[in-house]
mmCIF file of all heavy atoms, coordinates in Angstrom:
data_MODEL
# 
_entry.id   MODEL 
# 
loop_
_atom_site.group_PDB 
_atom_site.id 
_atom_site.type_symbol 
_atom_site.label_atom_id 
_atom_site.label_alt_id 
_atom_site.label_comp_id 
_atom_site.label_asym_id 
_atom_site.label_entity_id 
_atom_site.label_seq_id 
_atom_site.pdbx_PDB_ins_code 
_atom_site.Cartn_x 
_atom_site.Cartn_y 
_atom_site.Cartn_z 
_atom_site.occupancy 
_atom_site.B_iso_or_equiv 
_atom_site.pdbx_formal_charge 
_atom_site.auth_seq_id 
_atom_site.auth_comp_id 
_atom_site.auth_asym_id 
_atom_site.auth_atom_id 
_atom_site.pdbx_PDB_model_num 
ATOM 1   N N   . TRP A 1 1  ? 6.099   1.773  7.872   1.00 0.00 ? 1  TRP A N   1 
ATOM 2   C CA  . TRP A 1 1  ? 4.676   1.668  8.156   1.00 0.00 ? 1  TRP A CA  1 
ATOM 3   C C   . TRP A 1 1  ? 3.861   1.286  6.924   1.00 0.00 ? 1  TRP A C   1 
ATOM 4   O O   . TRP A 1 1  ? 4.308   1.439  5.789   1.00 0.00 ? 1  TRP A O   1 
ATOM 5   C CB  . TRP A 1 1  ? 4.134   2.977  8.725   1.00 0.00 ? 1  TRP A CB  1 
ATOM 6   C CG  . TRP A 1 1  ? 4.334   4.190  7.841   1.00 0.00 ? 1  TRP A CG  1 
ATOM 7   C CD1 . TRP A 1 1  ? 5.403   5.047  7.852   1.00 0.00 ? 1  TRP A CD1 1 
ATOM 8   C CD2 . TRP A 1 1  ? 3.454   4.660  6.812   1.00 0.00 ? 1  TRP A CD2 1 
ATOM 9   N NE1 . TRP A 1 1  ? 5.243   6.038  6.907   1.00 0.00 ? 1  TRP A NE1 1 
ATOM 10  C CE2 . TRP A 1 1  ? 4.051   5.826  6.249   1.00 0.00 ? 1  TRP A CE2 1 
ATOM 11  C CE3 . TRP A 1 1  ? 2.237   4.236  6.316   1.00 0.00 ? 1  TRP A CE3 1 
ATOM 12  C CZ2 . TRP A 1 1  ? 3.458   6.559  5.217   1.00 0.00 ? 1  TRP A CZ2 1 
ATOM 13  C CZ3 . TRP A 1 1  ? 1.635   4.955  5.282   1.00 0.00 ? 1  TRP A CZ3 1 
ATOM 14  C CH2 . TRP A 1 1  ? 2.246   6.117  4.741   1.00 0.00 ? 1  TRP A CH2 1 
ATOM 15  N N   . GLY A 1 2  ? 2.663   0.811  7.200   1.00 0.00 ? 2  GLY A N   1 
ATOM 16  C CA  . GLY A 1 2  ? 1.720   0.486  6.134   1.00 0.00 ? 2  GLY A CA  1 
ATOM 17  C C   . GLY A 1 2  ? 0.357   0.160  6.720   1.00 0.00 ? 2  GLY A C   1 
ATOM 18  O O   . GLY A 1 2  ? 0.200   0.020  7.939   1.00 0.00 ? 2  GLY A O   1 
ATOM 19  N N   . TRP A 1 3  ? -0.645  0.038  5.876   1.00 0.00 ? 3  TRP A N   1 
ATOM 20  C CA  . TRP A 1 3  ? -1.989  -0.326 6.325   1.00 0.00 ? 3  TRP A CA  1 
ATOM 21  C C   . TRP A 1 3  ? -1.962  -1.759 6.855   1.00 0.00 ? 3  TRP A C   1 
ATOM 22  O O   . TRP A 1 3  ? -1.410  -2.661 6.226   1.00 0.00 ? 3  TRP A O   1 
ATOM 23  C CB  . TRP A 1 3  ? -2.982  -0.208 5.175   1.00 0.00 ? 3  TRP A CB  1 
ATOM 24  C CG  . TRP A 1 3  ? -3.156  1.192  4.680   1.00 0.00 ? 3  TRP A CG  1 
ATOM 25  C CD1 . TRP A 1 3  ? -2.462  1.793  3.663   1.00 0.00 ? 3  TRP A CD1 1 
ATOM 26  C CD2 . TRP A 1 3  ? -4.077  2.167  5.173   1.00 0.00 ? 3  TRP A CD2 1 
ATOM 27  N NE1 . TRP A 1 3  ? -2.887  3.089  3.501   1.00 0.00 ? 3  TRP A NE1 1 
ATOM 28  C CE2 . TRP A 1 3  ? -3.877  3.354  4.411   1.00 0.00 ? 3  TRP A CE2 1 
ATOM 29  C CE3 . TRP A 1 3  ? -5.039  2.166  6.181   1.00 0.00 ? 3  TRP A CE3 1 
ATOM 30  C CZ2 . TRP A 1 3  ? -4.622  4.511  4.631   1.00 0.00 ? 3  TRP A CZ2 1 
ATOM 31  C CZ3 . TRP A 1 3  ? -5.785  3.317  6.395   1.00 0.00 ? 3  TRP A CZ3 1 
ATOM 32  C CH2 . TRP A 1 3  ? -5.569  4.473  5.637   1.00 0.00 ? 3  TRP A CH2 1 
ATOM 33  N N   . GLY A 1 4  ? -2.552  -1.953 8.032   1.00 0.00 ? 4  GLY A N   1 
ATOM 34  C CA  . GLY A 1 4  ? -2.615  -3.272 8.627   1.00 0.00 ? 4  GLY A CA  1 
ATOM 35  C C   . GLY A 1 4  ? -1.292  -3.791 9.135   1.00 0.00 ? 4  GLY A C   1 
ATOM 36  O O   . GLY A 1 4  ? -1.176  -4.969 9.479   1.00 0.00 ? 4  GLY A O   1 
ATOM 37  N N   . GLY A 1 5  ? -0.276  -2.942 9.196   1.00 0.00 ? 5  GLY A N   1 
ATOM 38  C CA  . GLY A 1 5  ? 1.049   -3.379 9.627   1.00 0.00 ? 5  GLY A CA  1 
ATOM 39  C C   . GLY A 1 5  ? 1.831   -4.087 8.541   1.00 0.00 ? 5  GLY A C   1 
ATOM 40  O O   . GLY A 1 5  ? 2.807   -4.779 8.831   1.00 0.00 ? 5  GLY A O   1 
ATOM 41  N N   . TYR A 1 6  ? 1.417   -3.892 7.285   1.00 0.00 ? 6  TYR A N   1 
ATOM 42  C CA  . TYR A 1 6  ? 2.136   -4.463 6.145   1.00 0.00 ? 6  TYR A CA  1 
ATOM 43  C C   . TYR A 1 6  ? 2.915   -3.350 5.438   1.00 0.00 ? 6  TYR A C   1 
ATOM 44  O O   . TYR A 1 6  ? 2.312   -2.424 4.878   1.00 0.00 ? 6  TYR A O   1 
ATOM 45  C CB  . TYR A 1 6  ? 1.163   -5.110 5.159   1.00 0.00 ? 6  TYR A CB  1 
ATOM 46  C CG  . TYR A 1 6  ? 0.375   -6.259 5.726   1.00 0.00 ? 6  TYR A CG  1 
ATOM 47  C CD1 . TYR A 1 6  ? -0.953  -6.091 6.121   1.00 0.00 ? 6  TYR A CD1 1 
ATOM 48  C CD2 . TYR A 1 6  ? 0.952   -7.519 5.864   1.00 0.00 ? 6  TYR A CD2 1 
ATOM 49  C CE1 . TYR A 1 6  ? -1.692  -7.149 6.637   1.00 0.00 ? 6  TYR A CE1 1 
ATOM 50  C CE2 . TYR A 1 6  ? 0.224   -8.590 6.373   1.00 0.00 ? 6  TYR A CE2 1 
ATOM 51  C CZ  . TYR A 1 6  ? -1.092  -8.395 6.759   1.00 0.00 ? 6  TYR A CZ  1 
ATOM 52  O OH  . TYR A 1 6  ? -1.812  -9.445 7.272   1.00 0.00 ? 6  TYR A OH  1 
ATOM 53  N N   . TYR A 1 7  ? 4.217   -3.467 5.444   1.00 0.00 ? 7  TYR A N   1 
ATOM 54  C CA  . TYR A 1 7  ? 5.045   -2.453 4.779   1.00 0.00 ? 7  TYR A CA  1 
ATOM 55  C C   . TYR A 1 7  ? 4.711   -2.357 3.302   1.00 0.00 ? 7  TYR A C   1 
ATOM 56  O O   . TYR A 1 7  ? 4.785   -1.279 2.701   1.00 0.00 ? 7  TYR A O   1 
ATOM 57  C CB  . TYR A 1 7  ? 6.525   -2.799 4.970   1.00 0.00 ? 7  TYR A CB  1 
ATOM 58  C CG  . TYR A 1 7  ? 7.490   -1.732 4.502   1.00 0.00 ? 7  TYR A CG  1 
ATOM 59  C CD1 . TYR A 1 7  ? 7.476   -0.458 5.058   1.00 0.00 ? 7  TYR A CD1 1 
ATOM 60  C CD2 . TYR A 1 7  ? 8.421   -2.020 3.504   1.00 0.00 ? 7  TYR A CD2 1 
ATOM 61  C CE1 . TYR A 1 7  ? 8.370   0.515  4.633   1.00 0.00 ? 7  TYR A CE1 1 
ATOM 62  C CE2 . TYR A 1 7  ? 9.324   -1.052 3.073   1.00 0.00 ? 7  TYR A CE2 1 
ATOM 63  C CZ  . TYR A 1 7  ? 9.290   0.212  3.641   1.00 0.00 ? 7  TYR A CZ  1 
ATOM 64  O OH  . TYR A 1 7  ? 10.181  1.174  3.215   1.00 0.00 ? 7  TYR A OH  1 
ATOM 65  N N   . SER A 1 8  ? 4.296   -3.469 2.701   1.00 0.00 ? 8  SER A N   1 
ATOM 66  C CA  . SER A 1 8  ? 3.933   -3.480 1.283   1.00 0.00 ? 8  SER A CA  1 
ATOM 67  C C   . SER A 1 8  ? 2.628   -2.742 1.006   1.00 0.00 ? 8  SER A C   1 
ATOM 68  O O   . SER A 1 8  ? 2.274   -2.518 -0.156  1.00 0.00 ? 8  SER A O   1 
ATOM 69  C CB  . SER A 1 8  ? 3.811   -4.922 0.775   1.00 0.00 ? 8  SER A CB  1 
ATOM 70  O OG  . SER A 1 8  ? 2.795   -5.614 1.483   1.00 0.00 ? 8  SER A OG  1 
ATOM 71  N N   . LEU A 1 9  ? 1.915   -2.355 2.074   1.00 0.00 ? 9  LEU A N   1 
ATOM 72  C CA  . LEU A 1 9  ? 0.683   -1.576 1.920   1.00 0.00 ? 9  LEU A CA  1 
ATOM 73  C C   . LEU A 1 9  ? 0.884   -0.149 2.439   1.00 0.00 ? 9  LEU A C   1 
ATOM 74  O O   . LEU A 1 9  ? -0.039  0.460  2.992   1.00 0.00 ? 9  LEU A O   1 
ATOM 75  C CB  . LEU A 1 9  ? -0.480  -2.244 2.650   1.00 0.00 ? 9  LEU A CB  1 
ATOM 76  C CG  . LEU A 1 9  ? -0.887  -3.636 2.152   1.00 0.00 ? 9  LEU A CG  1 
ATOM 77  C CD1 . LEU A 1 9  ? -2.107  -4.137 2.899   1.00 0.00 ? 9  LEU A CD1 1 
ATOM 78  C CD2 . LEU A 1 9  ? -1.143  -3.638 0.644   1.00 0.00 ? 9  LEU A CD2 1 
ATOM 79  N N   . GLY A 1 10 ? 2.089   0.374  2.241   1.00 0.00 ? 10 GLY A N   1 
ATOM 80  C CA  . GLY A 1 10 ? 2.401   1.748  2.626   1.00 0.00 ? 10 GLY A CA  1 
ATOM 81  C C   . GLY A 1 10 ? 3.055   2.489  1.483   1.00 0.00 ? 10 GLY A C   1 
ATOM 82  O O   . GLY A 1 10 ? 3.444   1.889  0.469   1.00 0.00 ? 10 GLY A O   1 
ATOM 83  N N   . LYS A 1 11 ? 3.203   3.788  1.645   1.00 0.00 ? 11 LYS A N   1 
ATOM 84  C CA  . LYS A 1 11 ? 3.727   4.608  0.549   1.00 0.00 ? 11 LYS A CA  1 
ATOM 85  C C   . LYS A 1 11 ? 5.129   4.190  0.134   1.00 0.00 ? 11 LYS A C   1 
ATOM 86  O O   . LYS A 1 11 ? 5.445   4.122  -1.049  1.00 0.00 ? 11 LYS A O   1 
ATOM 87  C CB  . LYS A 1 11 ? 3.725   6.080  0.962   1.00 0.00 ? 11 LYS A CB  1 
ATOM 88  C CG  . LYS A 1 11 ? 4.173   7.015  -0.162  1.00 0.00 ? 11 LYS A CG  1 
ATOM 89  C CD  . LYS A 1 11 ? 4.095   8.471  0.243   1.00 0.00 ? 11 LYS A CD  1 
ATOM 90  C CE  . LYS A 1 11 ? 4.549   9.358  -0.908  1.00 0.00 ? 11 LYS A CE  1 
ATOM 91  N NZ  . LYS A 1 11 ? 4.490   10.800 -0.552  1.00 0.00 ? 11 LYS A NZ  1 
ATOM 92  N N   . ALA A 1 12 ? 5.992   3.892  1.109   1.00 0.00 ? 12 ALA A N   1 
ATOM 93  C CA  . ALA A 1 12 ? 7.380   3.559  0.786   1.00 0.00 ? 12 ALA A CA  1 
ATOM 94  C C   . ALA A 1 12 ? 7.530   2.133  0.277   1.00 0.00 ? 12 ALA A C   1 
ATOM 95  O O   . ALA A 1 12 ? 8.333   1.863  -0.619  1.00 0.00 ? 12 ALA A O   1 
ATOM 96  C CB  . ALA A 1 12 ? 8.274   3.770  2.007   1.00 0.00 ? 12 ALA A CB  1 
ATOM 97  N N   . GLY A 1 13 ? 6.741   1.211  0.840   1.00 0.00 ? 13 GLY A N   1 
ATOM 98  C CA  . GLY A 1 13 ? 6.925   -0.193 0.491   1.00 0.00 ? 13 GLY A CA  1 
ATOM 99  C C   . GLY A 1 13 ? 5.942   -0.740 -0.522  1.00 0.00 ? 13 GLY A C   1 
ATOM 100 O O   . GLY A 1 13 ? 6.046   -1.906 -0.922  1.00 0.00 ? 13 GLY A O   1 
ATOM 101 N N   . GLY A 1 14 ? 4.977   0.071  -0.954  1.00 0.00 ? 14 GLY A N   1 
ATOM 102 C CA  . GLY A 1 14 ? 3.916   -0.437 -1.815  1.00 0.00 ? 14 GLY A CA  1 
ATOM 103 C C   . GLY A 1 14 ? 4.095   -0.171 -3.293  1.00 0.00 ? 14 GLY A C   1 
ATOM 104 O O   . GLY A 1 14 ? 3.141   -0.315 -4.069  1.00 0.00 ? 14 GLY A O   1 
ATOM 105 N N   . GLU A 1 15 ? 5.320   0.173  -3.699  1.00 0.00 ? 15 GLU A N   1 
ATOM 106 C CA  . GLU A 1 15 ? 5.555   0.540  -5.098  1.00 0.00 ? 15 GLU A CA  1 
ATOM 107 C C   . GLU A 1 15 ? 5.137   -0.563 -6.066  1.00 0.00 ? 15 GLU A C   1 
ATOM 108 O O   . GLU A 1 15 ? 4.609   -0.292 -7.141  1.00 0.00 ? 15 GLU A O   1 
ATOM 109 C CB  . GLU A 1 15 ? 7.038   0.875  -5.298  1.00 0.00 ? 15 GLU A CB  1 
ATOM 110 C CG  . GLU A 1 15 ? 7.377   1.328  -6.699  1.00 0.00 ? 15 GLU A CG  1 
ATOM 111 C CD  . GLU A 1 15 ? 8.837   1.704  -6.840  1.00 0.00 ? 15 GLU A CD  1 
ATOM 112 O OE1 . GLU A 1 15 ? 9.532   1.817  -5.804  1.00 0.00 ? 15 GLU A OE1 1 
ATOM 113 O OE2 . GLU A 1 15 ? 9.296   1.886  -7.976  1.00 0.00 ? 15 GLU A OE2 1 
ATOM 114 N N   . ASN A 1 16 ? 5.363   -1.822 -5.680  1.00 0.00 ? 16 ASN A N   1 
ATOM 115 C CA  . ASN A 1 16 ? 5.056   -2.938 -6.567  1.00 0.00 ? 16 ASN A CA  1 
ATOM 116 C C   . ASN A 1 16 ? 3.838   -3.738 -6.117  1.00 0.00 ? 16 ASN A C   1 
ATOM 117 O O   . ASN A 1 16 ? 3.639   -4.870 -6.558  1.00 0.00 ? 16 ASN A O   1 
ATOM 118 C CB  . ASN A 1 16 ? 6.276   -3.868 -6.659  1.00 0.00 ? 16 ASN A CB  1 
ATOM 119 C CG  . ASN A 1 16 ? 7.494   -3.163 -7.229  1.00 0.00 ? 16 ASN A CG  1 
ATOM 120 O OD1 . ASN A 1 16 ? 7.404   -2.437 -8.223  1.00 0.00 ? 16 ASN A OD1 1 
ATOM 121 N ND2 . ASN A 1 16 ? 8.643   -3.359 -6.593  1.00 0.00 ? 16 ASN A ND2 1 
ATOM 122 N N   . SER A 1 17 ? 3.024   -3.155 -5.243  1.00 0.00 ? 17 SER A N   1 
ATOM 123 C CA  . SER A 1 17 ? 1.861   -3.856 -4.701  1.00 0.00 ? 17 SER A CA  1 
ATOM 124 C C   . SER A 1 17 ? 0.579   -3.393 -5.395  1.00 0.00 ? 17 SER A C   1 
ATOM 125 O O   . SER A 1 17 ? 0.205   -2.219 -5.301  1.00 0.00 ? 17 SER A O   1 
ATOM 126 C CB  . SER A 1 17 ? 1.745   -3.611 -3.197  1.00 0.00 ? 17 SER A CB  1 
ATOM 127 O OG  . SER A 1 17 ? 0.508   -4.076 -2.698  1.00 0.00 ? 17 SER A OG  1 
ATOM 128 N N   . ALA A 1 18 ? -0.085  -4.320 -6.061  1.00 0.00 ? 18 ALA A N   1 
ATOM 129 C CA  . ALA A 1 18 ? -1.356  -3.985 -6.712  1.00 0.00 ? 18 ALA A CA  1 
ATOM 130 C C   . ALA A 1 18 ? -2.410  -3.612 -5.675  1.00 0.00 ? 18 ALA A C   1 
ATOM 131 O O   . ALA A 1 18 ? -3.233  -2.716 -5.907  1.00 0.00 ? 18 ALA A O   1 
ATOM 132 C CB  . ALA A 1 18 ? -1.831  -5.160 -7.547  1.00 0.00 ? 18 ALA A CB  1 
ATOM 133 N N   . GLN A 1 19 ? -2.379  -4.282 -4.516  1.00 0.00 ? 19 GLN A N   1 
ATOM 134 C CA  . GLN A 1 19 ? -3.356  -3.978 -3.482  1.00 0.00 ? 19 GLN A CA  1 
ATOM 135 C C   . GLN A 1 19 ? -3.156  -2.568 -2.942  1.00 0.00 ? 19 GLN A C   1 
ATOM 136 O O   . GLN A 1 19 ? -4.124  -1.844 -2.700  1.00 0.00 ? 19 GLN A O   1 
ATOM 137 C CB  . GLN A 1 19 ? -3.279  -4.994 -2.340  1.00 0.00 ? 19 GLN A CB  1 
ATOM 138 C CG  . GLN A 1 19 ? -4.381  -4.811 -1.294  1.00 0.00 ? 19 GLN A CG  1 
ATOM 139 C CD  . GLN A 1 19 ? -4.300  -5.832 -0.173  1.00 0.00 ? 19 GLN A CD  1 
ATOM 140 O OE1 . GLN A 1 19 ? -3.502  -6.764 -0.214  1.00 0.00 ? 19 GLN A OE1 1 
ATOM 141 N NE2 . GLN A 1 19 ? -5.129  -5.672 0.855   1.00 0.00 ? 19 GLN A NE2 1 
ATOM 142 N N   . TYR A 1 20 ? -1.895  -2.159 -2.769  1.00 0.00 ? 20 TYR A N   1 
ATOM 143 C CA  . TYR A 1 20 ? -1.665  -0.794 -2.286  1.00 0.00 ? 20 TYR A CA  1 
ATOM 144 C C   . TYR A 1 20 ? -2.122  0.227  -3.316  1.00 0.00 ? 20 TYR A C   1 
ATOM 145 O O   . TYR A 1 20 ? -2.724  1.243  -2.966  1.00 0.00 ? 20 TYR A O   1 
ATOM 146 C CB  . TYR A 1 20 ? -0.200  -0.555 -1.939  1.00 0.00 ? 20 TYR A CB  1 
ATOM 147 C CG  . TYR A 1 20 ? 0.025   0.851  -1.420  1.00 0.00 ? 20 TYR A CG  1 
ATOM 148 C CD1 . TYR A 1 20 ? -0.562  1.253  -0.228  1.00 0.00 ? 20 TYR A CD1 1 
ATOM 149 C CD2 . TYR A 1 20 ? 0.757   1.783  -2.142  1.00 0.00 ? 20 TYR A CD2 1 
ATOM 150 C CE1 . TYR A 1 20 ? -0.408  2.555  0.253   1.00 0.00 ? 20 TYR A CE1 1 
ATOM 151 C CE2 . TYR A 1 20 ? 0.918   3.082  -1.666  1.00 0.00 ? 20 TYR A CE2 1 
ATOM 152 C CZ  . TYR A 1 20 ? 0.339   3.454  -0.479  1.00 0.00 ? 20 TYR A CZ  1 
ATOM 153 O OH  . TYR A 1 20 ? 0.481   4.740  -0.017  1.00 0.00 ? 20 TYR A OH  1 
ATOM 154 N N   . LYS A 1 21 ? -1.874  -0.055 -4.594  1.00 0.00 ? 21 LYS A N   1 
ATOM 155 C CA  . LYS A 1 21 ? -2.377  0.846  -5.630  1.00 0.00 ? 21 LYS A CA  1 
ATOM 156 C C   . LYS A 1 21 ? -3.891  0.937  -5.559  1.00 0.00 ? 21 LYS A C   1 
ATOM 157 O O   . LYS A 1 21 ? -4.478  2.008  -5.740  1.00 0.00 ? 21 LYS A O   1 
ATOM 158 C CB  . LYS A 1 21 ? -1.952  0.374  -7.017  1.00 0.00 ? 21 LYS A CB  1 
ATOM 159 C CG  . LYS A 1 21 ? -2.363  1.321  -8.143  1.00 0.00 ? 21 LYS A CG  1 
ATOM 160 C CD  . LYS A 1 21 ? -1.899  0.821  -9.496  1.00 0.00 ? 21 LYS A CD  1 
ATOM 161 C CE  . LYS A 1 21 ? -2.233  1.826  -10.602 1.00 0.00 ? 21 LYS A CE  1 
ATOM 162 N NZ  . LYS A 1 21 ? -3.682  2.142  -10.664 1.00 0.00 ? 21 LYS A NZ  1 
ATOM 163 N N   . GLY A 1 22 ? -4.546  -0.192 -5.247  1.00 0.00 ? 22 GLY A N   1 
ATOM 164 C CA  . GLY A 1 22 ? -5.989  -0.172 -5.079  1.00 0.00 ? 22 GLY A CA  1 
ATOM 165 C C   . GLY A 1 22 ? -6.422  0.711  -3.923  1.00 0.00 ? 22 GLY A C   1 
ATOM 166 O O   . GLY A 1 22 ? -7.426  1.426  -4.020  1.00 0.00 ? 22 GLY A O   1 
ATOM 167 N N   . ILE A 1 23 ? -5.679  0.679  -2.806  1.00 0.00 ? 23 ILE A N   1 
ATOM 168 C CA  . ILE A 1 23 ? -5.990  1.545  -1.664  1.00 0.00 ? 23 ILE A CA  1 
ATOM 169 C C   . ILE A 1 23 ? -5.888  3.015  -2.058  1.00 0.00 ? 23 ILE A C   1 
ATOM 170 O O   . ILE A 1 23 ? -6.781  3.821  -1.772  1.00 0.00 ? 23 ILE A O   1 
ATOM 171 C CB  . ILE A 1 23 ? -5.049  1.234  -0.481  1.00 0.00 ? 23 ILE A CB  1 
ATOM 172 C CG1 . ILE A 1 23 ? -5.354  -0.151 0.096   1.00 0.00 ? 23 ILE A CG1 1 
ATOM 173 C CG2 . ILE A 1 23 ? -5.172  2.298  0.605   1.00 0.00 ? 23 ILE A CG2 1 
ATOM 174 C CD1 . ILE A 1 23 ? -4.373  -0.614 1.162   1.00 0.00 ? 23 ILE A CD1 1 
ATOM 175 N N   . VAL A 1 24 ? -4.799  3.366  -2.749  1.00 0.00 ? 24 VAL A N   1 
ATOM 176 C CA  . VAL A 1 24 ? -4.599  4.755  -3.175  1.00 0.00 ? 24 VAL A CA  1 
ATOM 177 C C   . VAL A 1 24 ? -5.696  5.182  -4.142  1.00 0.00 ? 24 VAL A C   1 
ATOM 178 O O   . VAL A 1 24 ? -6.266  6.282  -4.020  1.00 0.00 ? 24 VAL A O   1 
ATOM 179 C CB  . VAL A 1 24 ? -3.207  4.917  -3.816  1.00 0.00 ? 24 VAL A CB  1 
ATOM 180 C CG1 . VAL A 1 24 ? -3.050  6.309  -4.417  1.00 0.00 ? 24 VAL A CG1 1 
ATOM 181 C CG2 . VAL A 1 24 ? -2.108  4.663  -2.791  1.00 0.00 ? 24 VAL A CG2 1 
ATOM 182 N N   . ASP A 1 25 ? -6.032  4.319  -5.095  1.00 0.00 ? 25 ASP A N   1 
ATOM 183 C CA  . ASP A 1 25 ? -7.084  4.640  -6.063  1.00 0.00 ? 25 ASP A CA  1 
ATOM 184 C C   . ASP A 1 25 ? -8.442  4.768  -5.379  1.00 0.00 ? 25 ASP A C   1 
ATOM 185 O O   . ASP A 1 25 ? -9.263  5.632  -5.739  1.00 0.00 ? 25 ASP A O   1 
ATOM 186 C CB  . ASP A 1 25 ? -7.153  3.565  -7.147  1.00 0.00 ? 25 ASP A CB  1 
ATOM 187 C CG  . ASP A 1 25 ? -5.961  3.587  -8.087  1.00 0.00 ? 25 ASP A CG  1 
ATOM 188 O OD1 . ASP A 1 25 ? -5.222  4.593  -8.088  1.00 0.00 ? 25 ASP A OD1 1 
ATOM 189 O OD2 . ASP A 1 25 ? -5.759  2.595  -8.814  1.00 0.00 ? 25 ASP A OD2 1 
ATOM 190 N N   . SER A 1 26 ? -8.684  3.923  -4.396  1.00 0.00 ? 26 SER A N   1 
ATOM 191 C CA  . SER A 1 26 ? -9.955  3.950  -3.677  1.00 0.00 ? 26 SER A CA  1 
ATOM 192 C C   . SER A 1 26 ? -10.119 5.257  -2.904  1.00 0.00 ? 26 SER A C   1 
ATOM 193 O O   . SER A 1 26 ? -11.196 5.878  -2.920  1.00 0.00 ? 26 SER A O   1 
ATOM 194 C CB  . SER A 1 26 ? -10.008 2.756  -2.711  1.00 0.00 ? 26 SER A CB  1 
ATOM 195 O OG  . SER A 1 26 ? -11.248 2.698  -2.045  1.00 0.00 ? 26 SER A OG  1 
ATOM 196 N N   . ILE A 1 27 ? -9.055  5.692  -2.231  1.00 0.00 ? 27 ILE A N   1 
ATOM 197 C CA  . ILE A 1 27 ? -9.087  6.956  -1.498  1.00 0.00 ? 27 ILE A CA  1 
ATOM 198 C C   . ILE A 1 27 ? -9.308  8.126  -2.443  1.00 0.00 ? 27 ILE A C   1 
ATOM 199 O O   . ILE A 1 27 ? -10.108 9.032  -2.169  1.00 0.00 ? 27 ILE A O   1 
ATOM 200 C CB  . ILE A 1 27 ? -7.782  7.119  -0.695  1.00 0.00 ? 27 ILE A CB  1 
ATOM 201 C CG1 . ILE A 1 27 ? -7.771  6.152  0.501   1.00 0.00 ? 27 ILE A CG1 1 
ATOM 202 C CG2 . ILE A 1 27 ? -7.607  8.557  -0.214  1.00 0.00 ? 27 ILE A CG2 1 
ATOM 203 C CD1 . ILE A 1 27 ? -6.459  6.108  1.251   1.00 0.00 ? 27 ILE A CD1 1 
# 
C-alpha cells in the first residue's frame, strides 16, 4: 500500500522516495 496507490509513497516502499519523506515530514 501507499498514498494514491503508489507503493513508493508508503512506509514499506518509500524508503528511497523524497516525496514520501515529504509526506512524513508534513504530517
